[in-house]
Amino acid sequence: MAIRKEADNKPRIVQVTPAAGIPGGEFRIRGSNFARAEDRPLVTIGDTIAPLIVGSESYIVARVPEAASTGEIVVNLQGSSSAPYSCDIGIQMADGVHPVGNPAVDQFGNVYATLSGSRGQKTPVSVYKVDINHNIKPFLTDIMNATGLAFDRDGLLYASSRYDGIIYQATPSGNMSVFCEGMGVATGITFDGEGNLYVGDRSGTIFKISPDRQIYVFATMEASIAAYHLAFGPDGYLYVTGPTTSYDAVHRVSSAGEVEVFYRGLGRPQGLAFDHEGRLYVAASLKGSRGVVRIDDNRKAELFLSGPHIVGLAFSPTRDLIVATNGALFRVAVDLGPLYVR
């Protein structure tokens, strides 16, 4: 009977949400036997102690520590430990960057991120390249306030400047030229399946630039205090976020330029991307929790990844989720499949 009693008192994890996190994010742990008398539980993620935010007999909120590298969560109490519960933890790829939107990933898995700086600030590097071994090196210079990044079908990288409204084009070796000018306060950029480039202008216009560099006004939206972030969905719509308030929407734009609300209720939504099943991921907060929000085909939203200061994301060819904060890049092995390509 004594053995049975000890087993009954052992901490037990039933559920952990969200499914993934980066340092500074928070996991909500539900289960039983997490507290006893005056004793507080000890939570570890891998071999690292996770700071406890909330602790009760059946519910814990624990913060992802900076040193966490593996996602096995264990609750310890009075010498008894729960069975490990697996979650996905983001591993830092690089710091010293300053993304203000989505990173870009090439066909080989190299990740590109901006060192954007404050408006009018000349930074020594405009775009960094991080290879699959997490080695970082300068890739582009001399772009003032590099903002949005996107690859075309031929593997050329495009970068917008919110300072001068220019879209720059770069070869894989880093040779740069001007692709088009006059894009206003140019922010997010993306390509459709026909090779047309779309550019978000913070003052309220989304431009469409054809492969022969003809420029059209594709859609008009409310001016944004931050930026427009763009991504094409598997339904052929252009999805757009532009953070203005604490109760913002994801909009989508038809091929005819008609704008509608796809989902409302996110806090300051920014970068966005689709997985192989057509689910939308948005850097935003949901019900006060910041991270990456996933929205399914039924427009049901859930916090998928927890973490602070996230501004953008992208999927890699190796099925990892690349998460960009305002100062670093993280790789999360979530195994969701490649980003949808038309």
C-alpha atoms as a PDB file:
ATOM      1  CA  MET A   1       0.000   0.000   0.000  1.00  0.00           C
ATOM      2  CA  ALA A   2       2.887   2.381   0.702  1.00  0.00           C
ATOM      3  CA  ILE A   3       4.207   1.853  -2.823  1.00  0.00           C
ATOM      4  CA  ARG A   4       0.758   2.554  -4.229  1.00  0.00           C
ATOM      5  CA  LYS A   5       0.477   5.774  -2.227  1.00  0.00           C
ATOM      6  CA  GLU A   6       3.870   6.991  -3.466  1.00  0.00           C
ATOM      7  CA  ALA A   7       2.792   6.351  -7.071  1.00  0.00           C
ATOM      8  CA  ASP A   8      -0.475   8.209  -6.519  1.00  0.00           C
ATOM      9  CA  ASN A   9       1.435  11.244  -5.230  1.00  0.00           C
ATOM     10  CA  LYS A  10       3.804  11.375  -8.181  1.00  0.00           C
ATOM     11  CA  PRO A  11       3.428  14.514 -10.351  1.00  0.00           C
ATOM     12  CA  ARG A  12       1.612  13.795 -13.593  1.00  0.00           C
ATOM     13  CA  ILE A  13       1.569  15.997 -16.706  1.00  0.00           C
ATOM     14  CA  VAL A  14      -1.602  15.698 -18.771  1.00  0.00           C
ATOM     15  CA  GLN A  15      -1.220  18.602 -21.202  1.00  0.00           C
ATOM     16  CA  VAL A  16       1.268  21.318 -22.145  1.00  0.00           C
ATOM     17  CA  THR A  17       0.306  24.308 -24.264  1.00  0.00           C
ATOM     18  CA  PRO A  18       1.320  25.718 -26.628  1.00  0.00           C
ATOM     19  CA  ALA A  19       3.173  23.071 -28.630  1.00  0.00           C
ATOM     20  CA  ALA A  20       6.402  25.062 -28.953  1.00  0.00           C
ATOM     21  CA  GLY A  21       8.331  27.923 -27.405  1.00  0.00           C
ATOM     22  CA  ILE A  22      11.455  30.039 -27.619  1.00  0.00           C
ATOM     23  CA  PRO A  23      13.388  31.522 -24.664  1.00  0.00           C
ATOM     24  CA  GLY A  24      11.177  33.960 -22.790  1.00  0.00           C
ATOM     25  CA  GLY A  25       8.011  32.153 -23.850  1.00  0.00           C
ATOM     26  CA  GLU A  26       5.692  30.424 -21.401  1.00  0.00           C
ATOM     27  CA  PHE A  27       4.338  26.879 -21.206  1.00  0.00           C
ATOM     28  CA  ARG A  28       1.025  26.166 -19.495  1.00  0.00           C
ATOM     29  CA  ILE A  29       1.249  22.786 -17.814  1.00  0.00           C
ATOM     30  CA  ARG A  30      -1.870  20.948 -16.628  1.00  0.00           C
ATOM     31  CA  GLY A  31      -1.962  17.764 -14.587  1.00  0.00           C
ATOM     32  CA  SER A  32      -2.030  16.657 -10.961  1.00  0.00           C
ATOM     33  CA  ASN A  33       0.097  16.435  -7.801  1.00  0.00           C
ATOM     34  CA  PHE A  34       2.084  19.569  -8.677  1.00  0.00           C
ATOM     35  CA  ALA A  35       2.041  20.947  -5.107  1.00  0.00           C
ATOM     36  CA  ARG A  36       1.943  19.596  -1.589  1.00  0.00           C
ATOM     37  CA  ALA A  37       1.634  21.578   1.645  1.00  0.00           C
ATOM     38  CA  GLU A  38       4.162  24.419   1.383  1.00  0.00           C
ATOM     39  CA  ASP A  39       6.328  22.731  -1.234  1.00  0.00           C
ATOM     40  CA  ARG A  40       6.535  24.272  -4.670  1.00  0.00           C
ATOM     41  CA  PRO A  41       7.294  22.222  -7.763  1.00  0.00           C
ATOM     42  CA  LEU A  42      10.559  22.400  -9.667  1.00  0.00           C
ATOM     43  CA  VAL A  43      10.135  22.462 -13.446  1.00  0.00           C
ATOM     44  CA  THR A  44      12.944  21.565 -15.818  1.00  0.00           C
ATOM     45  CA  ILE A  45      13.093  21.842 -19.591  1.00  0.00           C
ATOM     46  CA  GLY A  46      15.841  19.506 -20.686  1.00  0.00           C
ATOM     47  CA  ASP A  47      18.587  19.929 -18.105  1.00  0.00           C
ATOM     48  CA  THR A  48      17.679  23.539 -17.306  1.00  0.00           C
ATOM     49  CA  ILE A  49      15.469  24.853 -14.509  1.00  0.00           C
ATOM     50  CA  ALA A  50      12.497  26.809 -15.840  1.00  0.00           C
ATOM     51  CA  PRO A  51      11.379  29.846 -13.796  1.00  0.00           C
ATOM     52  CA  LEU A  52       7.957  29.302 -12.253  1.00  0.00           C
ATOM     53  CA  ILE A  53       5.364  31.994 -12.966  1.00  0.00           C
ATOM     54  CA  VAL A  54       2.284  30.288 -11.545  1.00  0.00           C
ATOM     55  CA  GLY A  55       2.134  27.122  -9.481  1.00  0.00           C
ATOM     56  CA  SER A  56      -0.801  25.191  -8.054  1.00  0.00           C
ATOM     57  CA  GLU A  57      -1.784  21.573  -7.485  1.00  0.00           C
ATOM     58  CA  SER A  58      -2.995  21.088 -11.058  1.00  0.00           C
ATOM     59  CA  TYR A  59      -1.704  24.046 -13.080  1.00  0.00           C
ATOM     60  CA  ILE A  60       1.736  25.541 -13.712  1.00  0.00           C
ATOM     61  CA  VAL A  61       3.008  28.334 -15.911  1.00  0.00           C
ATOM     62  CA  ALA A  62       6.755  28.031 -16.527  1.00  0.00           C
ATOM     63  CA  ARG A  63       8.989  30.315 -18.576  1.00  0.00           C
ATOM     64  CA  VAL A  64      11.333  28.878 -21.200  1.00  0.00           C
ATOM     65  CA  PRO A  65      14.874  29.604 -19.937  1.00  0.00           C
ATOM     66  CA  GLU A  66      17.610  31.038 -22.148  1.00  0.00           C
ATOM     67  CA  ALA A  67      19.704  27.865 -21.902  1.00  0.00           C
ATOM     68  CA  ALA A  68      16.925  25.448 -22.904  1.00  0.00           C
ATOM     69  CA  SER A  69      17.894  23.319 -25.896  1.00  0.00           C
ATOM     70  CA  THR A  70      15.675  20.244 -25.686  1.00  0.00           C
ATOM     71  CA  GLY A  71      11.958  20.109 -25.129  1.00  0.00           C
ATOM     72  CA  GLU A  72      11.430  17.498 -22.429  1.00  0.00           C
ATOM     73  CA  ILE A  73       9.432  19.064 -19.590  1.00  0.00           C
ATOM     74  CA  VAL A  74       9.554  17.412 -16.167  1.00  0.00           C
ATOM     75  CA  VAL A  75       7.790  18.472 -12.967  1.00  0.00           C
ATOM     76  CA  ASN A  76       9.635  17.535  -9.754  1.00  0.00           C
ATOM     77  CA  LEU A  77       8.152  17.590  -6.258  1.00  0.00           C
ATOM     78  CA  GLN A  78       9.706  16.268  -3.051  1.00  0.00           C
ATOM     79  CA  GLY A  79      12.007  13.915  -4.924  1.00  0.00           C
ATOM     80  CA  SER A  80       9.300  12.559  -7.228  1.00  0.00           C
ATOM     81  CA  SER A  81       9.363  13.380 -10.926  1.00  0.00           C
ATOM     82  CA  SER A  82       6.732  13.228 -13.610  1.00  0.00           C
ATOM     83  CA  ALA A  83       7.244  11.395 -16.856  1.00  0.00           C
ATOM     84  CA  PRO A  84       8.820  13.764 -19.409  1.00  0.00           C
ATOM     85  CA  TYR A  85       6.461  15.600 -21.743  1.00  0.00           C
ATOM     86  CA  SER A  86       7.875  16.536 -25.145  1.00  0.00           C
ATOM     87  CA  CYS A  87       7.573  20.026 -26.620  1.00  0.00           C
ATOM     88  CA  ASP A  88       9.439  21.859 -29.350  1.00  0.00           C
ATOM     89  CA  ILE A  89      12.065  24.403 -28.245  1.00  0.00           C
ATOM     90  CA  GLY A  90      13.582  26.983 -30.555  1.00  0.00           C
ATOM     91  CA  ILE A  91      17.373  26.949 -30.877  1.00  0.00           C
ATOM     92  CA  GLN A  92      19.007  30.315 -31.469  1.00  0.00           C
ATOM     93  CA  MET A  93      20.634  30.519 -34.896  1.00  0.00           C
ATOM     94  CA  ALA A  94      21.923  34.083 -34.763  1.00  0.00           C
ATOM     95  CA  ASP A  95      21.728  37.326 -32.846  1.00  0.00           C
ATOM     96  CA  GLY A  96      22.825  40.853 -33.655  1.00  0.00           C
ATOM     97  CA  VAL A  97      20.207  41.110 -36.390  1.00  0.00           C
ATOM     98  CA  HIS A  98      17.215  43.431 -36.547  1.00  0.00           C
ATOM     99  CA  PRO A  99      14.356  41.920 -38.543  1.00  0.00           C
ATOM    100  CA  VAL A 100      11.150  43.924 -38.841  1.00  0.00           C
ATOM    101  CA  GLY A 101       9.263  41.225 -40.747  1.00  0.00           C
ATOM    102  CA  ASN A 102       9.641  37.735 -42.161  1.00  0.00           C
ATOM    103  CA  PRO A 103      13.076  36.246 -42.732  1.00  0.00           C
ATOM    104  CA  ALA A 104      13.633  34.652 -46.139  1.00  0.00           C
ATOM    105  CA  VAL A 105      14.843  31.091 -46.770  1.00  0.00           C
ATOM    106  CA  ASP A 106      16.464  29.930 -50.011  1.00  0.00           C
ATOM    107  CA  GLN A 107      16.158  26.484 -51.594  1.00  0.00           C
ATOM    108  CA  PHE A 108      19.268  25.279 -49.754  1.00  0.00           C
ATOM    109  CA  GLY A 109      17.970  26.237 -46.313  1.00  0.00           C
ATOM    110  CA  ASN A 110      20.076  29.373 -45.838  1.00  0.00           C
ATOM    111  CA  VAL A 111      18.220  32.042 -43.861  1.00  0.00           C
ATOM    112  CA  TYR A 112      18.367  35.770 -44.608  1.00  0.00           C
ATOM    113  CA  ALA A 113      17.490  38.499 -42.133  1.00  0.00           C
ATOM    114  CA  THR A 114      17.811  42.267 -42.048  1.00  0.00           C
ATOM    115  CA  LEU A 115      19.738  44.605 -39.814  1.00  0.00           C
ATOM    116  CA  SER A 116      17.095  47.253 -40.336  1.00  0.00           C
ATOM    117  CA  GLY A 117      17.909  49.938 -37.787  1.00  0.00           C
ATOM    118  CA  SER A 118      15.741  52.900 -36.860  1.00  0.00           C
ATOM    119  CA  ARG A 119      14.374  55.085 -39.636  1.00  0.00           C
ATOM    120  CA  GLY A 120      17.174  56.948 -41.401  1.00  0.00           C
ATOM    121  CA  GLN A 121      19.889  54.962 -39.610  1.00  0.00           C
ATOM    122  CA  LYS A 122      22.728  53.707 -41.812  1.00  0.00           C
ATOM    123  CA  THR A 123      23.703  50.243 -40.589  1.00  0.00           C
ATOM    124  CA  PRO A 124      27.028  48.592 -41.538  1.00  0.00           C
ATOM    125  CA  VAL A 125      25.164  45.544 -42.914  1.00  0.00           C
ATOM    126  CA  SER A 126      21.717  45.540 -44.497  1.00  0.00           C
ATOM    127  CA  VAL A 127      21.051  41.796 -44.823  1.00  0.00           C
ATOM    128  CA  TYR A 128      22.777  38.850 -43.145  1.00  0.00           C
ATOM    129  CA  LYS A 129      22.962  35.277 -44.424  1.00  0.00           C
ATOM    130  CA  VAL A 130      22.857  32.395 -41.930  1.00  0.00           C
ATOM    131  CA  ASP A 131      23.790  28.974 -43.319  1.00  0.00           C
ATOM    132  CA  ILE A 132      22.460  25.597 -42.207  1.00  0.00           C
ATOM    133  CA  ASN A 133      25.282  25.302 -39.653  1.00  0.00           C
ATOM    134  CA  HIS A 134      24.228  28.648 -38.134  1.00  0.00           C
ATOM    135  CA  ASN A 135      27.263  30.522 -39.436  1.00  0.00           C
ATOM    136  CA  ILE A 136      26.346  34.169 -39.997  1.00  0.00           C
ATOM    137  CA  LYS A 137      27.963  36.542 -42.467  1.00  0.00           C
ATOM    138  CA  PRO A 138      27.089  39.837 -44.172  1.00  0.00           C
ATOM    139  CA  PHE A 139      25.255  39.412 -47.481  1.00  0.00           C
ATOM    140  CA  LEU A 140      24.081  42.901 -48.563  1.00  0.00           C
ATOM    141  CA  THR A 141      25.146  46.408 -47.601  1.00  0.00           C
ATOM    142  CA  ASP A 142      24.115  49.952 -48.547  1.00  0.00           C
ATOM    143  CA  ILE A 143      20.341  49.469 -48.205  1.00  0.00           C
ATOM    144  CA  MET A 144      18.926  52.079 -45.869  1.00  0.00           C
ATOM    145  CA  ASN A 145      16.368  50.477 -43.492  1.00  0.00           C
ATOM    146  CA  ALA A 146      16.110  47.093 -45.245  1.00  0.00           C
ATOM    147  CA  THR A 147      12.619  45.871 -44.424  1.00  0.00           C
ATOM    148  CA  GLY A 148      10.911  43.082 -46.413  1.00  0.00           C
ATOM    149  CA  LEU A 149      12.643  40.054 -47.964  1.00  0.00           C
ATOM    150  CA  ALA A 150      11.437  37.528 -50.561  1.00  0.00           C
ATOM    151  CA  PHE A 151      12.859  35.116 -53.141  1.00  0.00           C
ATOM    152  CA  ASP A 152      11.583  34.772 -56.704  1.00  0.00           C
ATOM    153  CA  ARG A 153      11.377  31.524 -58.670  1.00  0.00           C
ATOM    154  CA  ASP A 154      14.891  31.999 -60.032  1.00  0.00           C
ATOM    155  CA  GLY A 155      16.490  32.264 -56.594  1.00  0.00           C
ATOM    156  CA  LEU A 156      17.022  36.024 -56.650  1.00  0.00           C
ATOM    157  CA  LEU A 157      16.528  37.810 -53.337  1.00  0.00           C
ATOM    158  CA  TYR A 158      14.454  40.997 -53.183  1.00  0.00           C
ATOM    159  CA  ALA A 159      14.661  43.524 -50.357  1.00  0.00           C
ATOM    160  CA  SER A 160      12.482  46.568 -49.727  1.00  0.00           C
ATOM    161  CA  SER A 161      13.589  49.823 -48.128  1.00  0.00           C
ATOM    162  CA  ARG A 162      11.033  51.653 -46.049  1.00  0.00           C
ATOM    163  CA  TYR A 163      13.345  54.676 -46.160  1.00  0.00           C
ATOM    164  CA  ASP A 164      13.559  55.363 -49.906  1.00  0.00           C
ATOM    165  CA  GLY A 165      10.772  53.167 -51.328  1.00  0.00           C
ATOM    166  CA  ILE A 166      13.166  51.159 -53.481  1.00  0.00           C
ATOM    167  CA  ILE A 167      12.980  47.399 -54.106  1.00  0.00           C
ATOM    168  CA  TYR A 168      16.446  45.917 -54.556  1.00  0.00           C
ATOM    169  CA  GLN A 169      17.315  42.675 -56.342  1.00  0.00           C
ATOM    170  CA  ALA A 170      20.311  40.515 -55.400  1.00  0.00           C
ATOM    171  CA  THR A 171      21.932  37.482 -56.988  1.00  0.00           C
ATOM    172  CA  PRO A 172      23.044  34.471 -54.887  1.00  0.00           C
ATOM    173  CA  SER A 173      26.559  35.931 -54.876  1.00  0.00           C
ATOM    174  CA  GLY A 174      25.312  39.232 -53.438  1.00  0.00           C
ATOM    175  CA  ASN A 175      25.456  41.429 -56.538  1.00  0.00           C
ATOM    176  CA  MET A 176      22.727  44.033 -56.019  1.00  0.00           C
ATOM    177  CA  SER A 177      20.738  46.270 -58.356  1.00  0.00           C
ATOM    178  CA  VAL A 178      17.573  48.406 -58.231  1.00  0.00           C
ATOM    179  CA  PHE A 179      14.468  46.490 -59.332  1.00  0.00           C
ATOM    180  CA  CYS A 180      11.913  49.302 -58.984  1.00  0.00           C
ATOM    181  CA  GLU A 181      11.427  52.645 -57.248  1.00  0.00           C
ATOM    182  CA  GLY A 182       8.596  54.798 -55.925  1.00  0.00           C
ATOM    183  CA  MET A 183       6.990  52.238 -53.611  1.00  0.00           C
ATOM    184  CA  GLY A 184       6.217  54.759 -50.855  1.00  0.00           C
ATOM    185  CA  VAL A 185       7.093  53.490 -47.381  1.00  0.00           C
ATOM    186  CA  ALA A 186       7.870  50.020 -48.723  1.00  0.00           C
ATOM    187  CA  THR A 187       7.467  47.224 -46.190  1.00  0.00           C
ATOM    188  CA  GLY A 188       6.430  43.575 -46.706  1.00  0.00           C
ATOM    189  CA  ILE A 189       6.984  41.894 -50.073  1.00  0.00           C
ATOM    190  CA  THR A 190       5.942  38.561 -51.595  1.00  0.00           C
ATOM    191  CA  PHE A 191       5.556  36.818 -54.968  1.00  0.00           C
ATOM    192  CA  ASP A 192       2.555  35.068 -56.486  1.00  0.00           C
ATOM    193  CA  GLY A 193       2.742  31.953 -58.650  1.00  0.00           C
ATOM    194  CA  GLU A 194       2.976  34.008 -61.842  1.00  0.00           C
ATOM    195  CA  GLY A 195       6.085  35.854 -60.721  1.00  0.00           C
ATOM    196  CA  ASN A 196       4.356  39.119 -59.851  1.00  0.00           C
ATOM    197  CA  LEU A 197       5.841  40.970 -56.881  1.00  0.00           C
ATOM    198  CA  TYR A 198       3.565  42.585 -54.282  1.00  0.00           C
ATOM    199  CA  VAL A 199       4.771  45.415 -52.074  1.00  0.00           C
ATOM    200  CA  GLY A 200       3.050  46.788 -48.984  1.00  0.00           C
ATOM    201  CA  ASP A 201       3.197  50.575 -48.614  1.00  0.00           C
ATOM    202  CA  ARG A 202       2.674  51.676 -45.026  1.00  0.00           C
ATOM    203  CA  SER A 203       0.647  54.684 -46.156  1.00  0.00           C
ATOM    204  CA  GLY A 204      -2.131  52.422 -47.439  1.00  0.00           C
ATOM    205  CA  THR A 205      -1.324  50.947 -50.861  1.00  0.00           C
ATOM    206  CA  ILE A 206      -0.372  47.460 -51.979  1.00  0.00           C
ATOM    207  CA  PHE A 207       1.505  47.582 -55.280  1.00  0.00           C
ATOM    208  CA  LYS A 208       1.729  44.811 -57.856  1.00  0.00           C
ATOM    209  CA  ILE A 209       4.834  44.723 -60.076  1.00  0.00           C
ATOM    210  CA  SER A 210       4.774  42.410 -63.087  1.00  0.00           C
ATOM    211  CA  PRO A 211       7.868  40.453 -64.194  1.00  0.00           C
ATOM    212  CA  ASP A 212       8.468  43.126 -66.853  1.00  0.00           C
ATOM    213  CA  ARG A 213       8.400  45.755 -64.074  1.00  0.00           C
ATOM    214  CA  GLN A 214       5.027  47.298 -64.857  1.00  0.00           C
ATOM    215  CA  ILE A 215       3.623  48.792 -61.637  1.00  0.00           C
ATOM    216  CA  TYR A 216      -0.063  48.688 -60.648  1.00  0.00           C
ATOM    217  CA  VAL A 217      -2.072  49.657 -57.580  1.00  0.00           C
ATOM    218  CA  PHE A 218      -3.417  46.271 -56.499  1.00  0.00           C
ATOM    219  CA  ALA A 219      -5.369  47.203 -53.364  1.00  0.00           C
ATOM    220  CA  THR A 220      -5.887  50.058 -50.947  1.00  0.00           C
ATOM    221  CA  MET A 221      -6.021  49.572 -47.184  1.00  0.00           C
ATOM    222  CA  GLU A 222      -5.987  51.573 -43.981  1.00  0.00           C
ATOM    223  CA  ALA A 223      -2.645  53.198 -43.226  1.00  0.00           C
ATOM    224  CA  SER A 224      -0.594  51.191 -40.711  1.00  0.00           C
ATOM    225  CA  ILE A 225       1.519  52.593 -37.893  1.00  0.00           C
ATOM    226  CA  ALA A 226       3.959  49.714 -38.334  1.00  0.00           C
ATOM    227  CA  ALA A 227       3.977  47.894 -41.678  1.00  0.00           C
ATOM    228  CA  TYR A 228       2.140  45.646 -44.049  1.00  0.00           C
ATOM    229  CA  HIS A 229       3.231  42.010 -43.981  1.00  0.00           C
ATOM    230  CA  LEU A 230       2.276  39.821 -46.947  1.00  0.00           C
ATOM    231  CA  ALA A 231       1.950  36.125 -47.835  1.00  0.00           C
ATOM    232  CA  PHE A 232       0.077  34.201 -50.530  1.00  0.00           C
ATOM    233  CA  GLY A 233      -2.195  31.393 -49.421  1.00  0.00           C
ATOM    234  CA  PRO A 234      -3.031  28.124 -51.195  1.00  0.00           C
ATOM    235  CA  ASP A 235      -6.439  29.621 -52.062  1.00  0.00           C
ATOM    236  CA  GLY A 236      -4.813  32.252 -54.275  1.00  0.00           C
ATOM    237  CA  TYR A 237      -5.590  35.130 -51.923  1.00  0.00           C
ATOM    238  CA  LEU A 238      -2.983  37.604 -50.733  1.00  0.00           C
ATOM    239  CA  TYR A 239      -3.007  37.663 -46.916  1.00  0.00           C
ATOM    240  CA  VAL A 240      -2.089  40.913 -45.223  1.00  0.00           C
ATOM    241  CA  THR A 241      -1.423  42.107 -41.685  1.00  0.00           C
ATOM    242  CA  GLY A 242      -0.825  45.675 -40.605  1.00  0.00           C
ATOM    243  CA  PRO A 243      -0.607  46.177 -36.843  1.00  0.00           C
ATOM    244  CA  THR A 244      -2.462  49.253 -35.620  1.00  0.00           C
ATOM    245  CA  THR A 245      -4.239  48.353 -32.364  1.00  0.00           C
ATOM    246  CA  SER A 246      -4.606  45.530 -29.850  1.00  0.00           C
ATOM    247  CA  TYR A 247      -7.577  44.028 -31.738  1.00  0.00           C
ATOM    248  CA  ASP A 248      -6.271  43.746 -35.295  1.00  0.00           C
ATOM    249  CA  ALA A 249      -7.299  41.609 -38.224  1.00  0.00           C
ATOM    250  CA  VAL A 250      -5.705  39.439 -40.854  1.00  0.00           C
ATOM    251  CA  HIS A 251      -7.076  40.635 -44.167  1.00  0.00           C
ATOM    252  CA  ARG A 252      -7.051  38.843 -47.473  1.00  0.00           C
ATOM    253  CA  VAL A 253      -7.193  40.276 -50.964  1.00  0.00           C
ATOM    254  CA  SER A 254      -8.702  38.533 -53.981  1.00  0.00           C
ATOM    255  CA  SER A 255      -7.067  38.476 -57.416  1.00  0.00           C
ATOM    256  CA  ALA A 256      -9.362  41.383 -58.298  1.00  0.00           C
ATOM    257  CA  GLY A 257      -7.991  43.483 -55.433  1.00  0.00           C
ATOM    258  CA  GLU A 258     -11.061  43.136 -53.196  1.00  0.00           C
ATOM    259  CA  VAL A 259     -10.189  43.309 -49.490  1.00  0.00           C
ATOM    260  CA  GLU A 260     -11.997  41.368 -46.758  1.00  0.00           C
ATOM    261  CA  VAL A 261     -11.384  40.402 -43.141  1.00  0.00           C
ATOM    262  CA  PHE A 262     -10.183  36.816 -42.749  1.00  0.00           C
ATOM    263  CA  TYR A 263      -9.732  36.791 -38.965  1.00  0.00           C
ATOM    264  CA  ARG A 264     -10.117  39.498 -36.343  1.00  0.00           C
ATOM    265  CA  GLY A 265      -8.915  39.444 -32.750  1.00  0.00           C
ATOM    266  CA  LEU A 266      -5.115  39.378 -32.814  1.00  0.00           C
ATOM    267  CA  GLY A 267      -2.806  41.738 -30.977  1.00  0.00           C
ATOM    268  CA  ARG A 268      -0.392  43.533 -33.314  1.00  0.00           C
ATOM    269  CA  PRO A 269      -0.124  40.850 -36.027  1.00  0.00           C
ATOM    270  CA  GLN A 270       3.048  41.029 -38.103  1.00  0.00           C
ATOM    271  CA  GLY A 271       4.835  38.430 -40.268  1.00  0.00           C
ATOM    272  CA  LEU A 272       2.871  35.463 -41.598  1.00  0.00           C
ATOM    273  CA  ALA A 273       3.363  32.213 -43.535  1.00  0.00           C
ATOM    274  CA  PHE A 274       1.467  29.060 -44.563  1.00  0.00           C
ATOM    275  CA  ASP A 275       2.354  25.429 -43.889  1.00  0.00           C
ATOM    276  CA  HIS A 276       1.889  22.503 -46.290  1.00  0.00           C
ATOM    277  CA  GLU A 277      -1.683  21.923 -45.091  1.00  0.00           C
ATOM    278  CA  GLY A 278      -2.714  25.498 -45.802  1.00  0.00           C
ATOM    279  CA  ARG A 279      -2.808  26.611 -42.171  1.00  0.00           C
ATOM    280  CA  LEU A 280      -1.839  30.208 -41.526  1.00  0.00           C
ATOM    281  CA  TYR A 281       0.788  31.175 -38.930  1.00  0.00           C
ATOM    282  CA  VAL A 282       0.981  34.780 -37.721  1.00  0.00           C
ATOM    283  CA  ALA A 283       3.417  36.540 -35.405  1.00  0.00           C
ATOM    284  CA  ALA A 284       0.898  38.078 -32.990  1.00  0.00           C
ATOM    285  CA  SER A 285      -0.647  37.829 -29.562  1.00  0.00           C
ATOM    286  CA  LEU A 286      -3.856  35.940 -28.838  1.00  0.00           C
ATOM    287  CA  LYS A 287      -5.832  36.632 -25.664  1.00  0.00           C
ATOM    288  CA  GLY A 288      -2.833  38.422 -24.200  1.00  0.00           C
ATOM    289  CA  SER A 289      -0.250  35.729 -24.980  1.00  0.00           C
ATOM    290  CA  ARG A 290       2.471  36.651 -27.475  1.00  0.00           C
ATOM    291  CA  GLY A 291       4.047  34.282 -29.975  1.00  0.00           C
ATOM    292  CA  VAL A 292       2.983  32.586 -33.205  1.00  0.00           C
ATOM    293  CA  VAL A 293      -0.748  32.059 -33.711  1.00  0.00           C
ATOM    294  CA  ARG A 294      -2.014  29.273 -35.987  1.00  0.00           C
ATOM    295  CA  ILE A 295      -5.329  29.717 -37.818  1.00  0.00           C
ATOM    296  CA  ASP A 296      -6.867  26.668 -39.516  1.00  0.00           C
ATOM    297  CA  ASP A 297      -9.239  26.387 -42.491  1.00  0.00           C
ATOM    298  CA  ASN A 298     -12.219  26.856 -40.161  1.00  0.00           C
ATOM    299  CA  ARG A 299     -10.696  30.134 -38.934  1.00  0.00           C
ATOM    300  CA  LYS A 300     -10.069  28.712 -35.484  1.00  0.00           C
ATOM    301  CA  ALA A 301      -7.047  30.358 -33.856  1.00  0.00           C
ATOM    302  CA  GLU A 302      -4.691  28.933 -31.234  1.00  0.00           C
ATOM    303  CA  LEU A 303      -1.335  29.939 -29.830  1.00  0.00           C
ATOM    304  CA  PHE A 304       1.086  27.531 -31.499  1.00  0.00           C
ATOM    305  CA  LEU A 305       4.401  28.908 -30.205  1.00  0.00           C
ATOM    306  CA  SER A 306       5.088  31.143 -27.215  1.00  0.00           C
ATOM    307  CA  GLY A 307       7.764  33.804 -27.215  1.00  0.00           C
ATOM    308  CA  PRO A 308       8.392  37.535 -26.898  1.00  0.00           C
ATOM    309  CA  HIS A 309       9.247  40.140 -29.549  1.00  0.00           C
ATOM    310  CA  ILE A 310       8.442  37.907 -32.552  1.00  0.00           C
ATOM    311  CA  VAL A 311       8.113  39.887 -35.773  1.00  0.00           C
ATOM    312  CA  GLY A 312       8.232  37.251 -38.515  1.00  0.00           C
ATOM    313  CA  LEU A 313       8.543  33.614 -39.508  1.00  0.00           C
ATOM    314  CA  ALA A 314       9.210  31.306 -42.439  1.00  0.00           C
ATOM    315  CA  PHE A 315       9.346  27.576 -43.167  1.00  0.00           C
ATOM    316  CA  SER A 316      12.574  25.955 -44.329  1.00  0.00           C
ATOM    317  CA  PRO A 317      13.042  23.105 -46.842  1.00  0.00           C
ATOM    318  CA  THR A 318      13.898  20.843 -43.894  1.00  0.00           C
ATOM    319  CA  ARG A 319      10.412  21.452 -42.432  1.00  0.00           C
ATOM    320  CA  ASP A 320      11.660  23.639 -39.612  1.00  0.00           C
ATOM    321  CA  LEU A 321       9.983  26.842 -38.528  1.00  0.00           C
ATOM    322  CA  ILE A 322      12.313  29.848 -38.594  1.00  0.00           C
ATOM    323  CA  VAL A 323      11.231  32.474 -36.056  1.00  0.00           C
ATOM    324  CA  ALA A 324      12.544  36.038 -36.136  1.00  0.00           C
ATOM    325  CA  THR A 325      12.441  38.273 -33.077  1.00  0.00           C
ATOM    326  CA  ASN A 326      13.522  41.898 -33.221  1.00  0.00           C
ATOM    327  CA  GLY A 327      17.075  40.852 -32.375  1.00  0.00           C
ATOM    328  CA  ALA A 328      17.614  37.160 -33.137  1.00  0.00           C
ATOM    329  CA  LEU A 329      16.702  34.136 -35.263  1.00  0.00           C
ATOM    330  CA  PHE A 330      15.524  30.771 -33.916  1.00  0.00           C
ATOM    331  CA  ARG A 331      15.052  27.396 -35.567  1.00  0.00           C
ATOM    332  CA  VAL A 332      12.196  25.234 -34.266  1.00  0.00           C
ATOM    333  CA  ALA A 333      12.022  21.604 -35.425  1.00  0.00           C
ATOM    334  CA  VAL A 334       8.240  21.398 -35.582  1.00  0.00           C
ATOM    335  CA  ASP A 335       8.091  18.984 -38.584  1.00  0.00           C
ATOM    336  CA  LEU A 336       5.038  20.564 -40.193  1.00  0.00           C
ATOM    337  CA  GLY A 337       6.152  20.199 -43.800  1.00  0.00           C
ATOM    338  CA  PRO A 338       7.401  22.739 -46.342  1.00  0.00           C
ATOM    339  CA  LEU A 339       5.888  26.134 -46.963  1.00  0.00           C
ATOM    340  CA  TYR A 340       3.148  25.998 -49.591  1.00  0.00           C
ATOM    341  CA  VAL A 341       4.376  27.081 -53.028  1.00  0.00           C
ATOM    342  CA  ARG A 342       2.033  27.758 -55.943  1.00  0.00           C
END
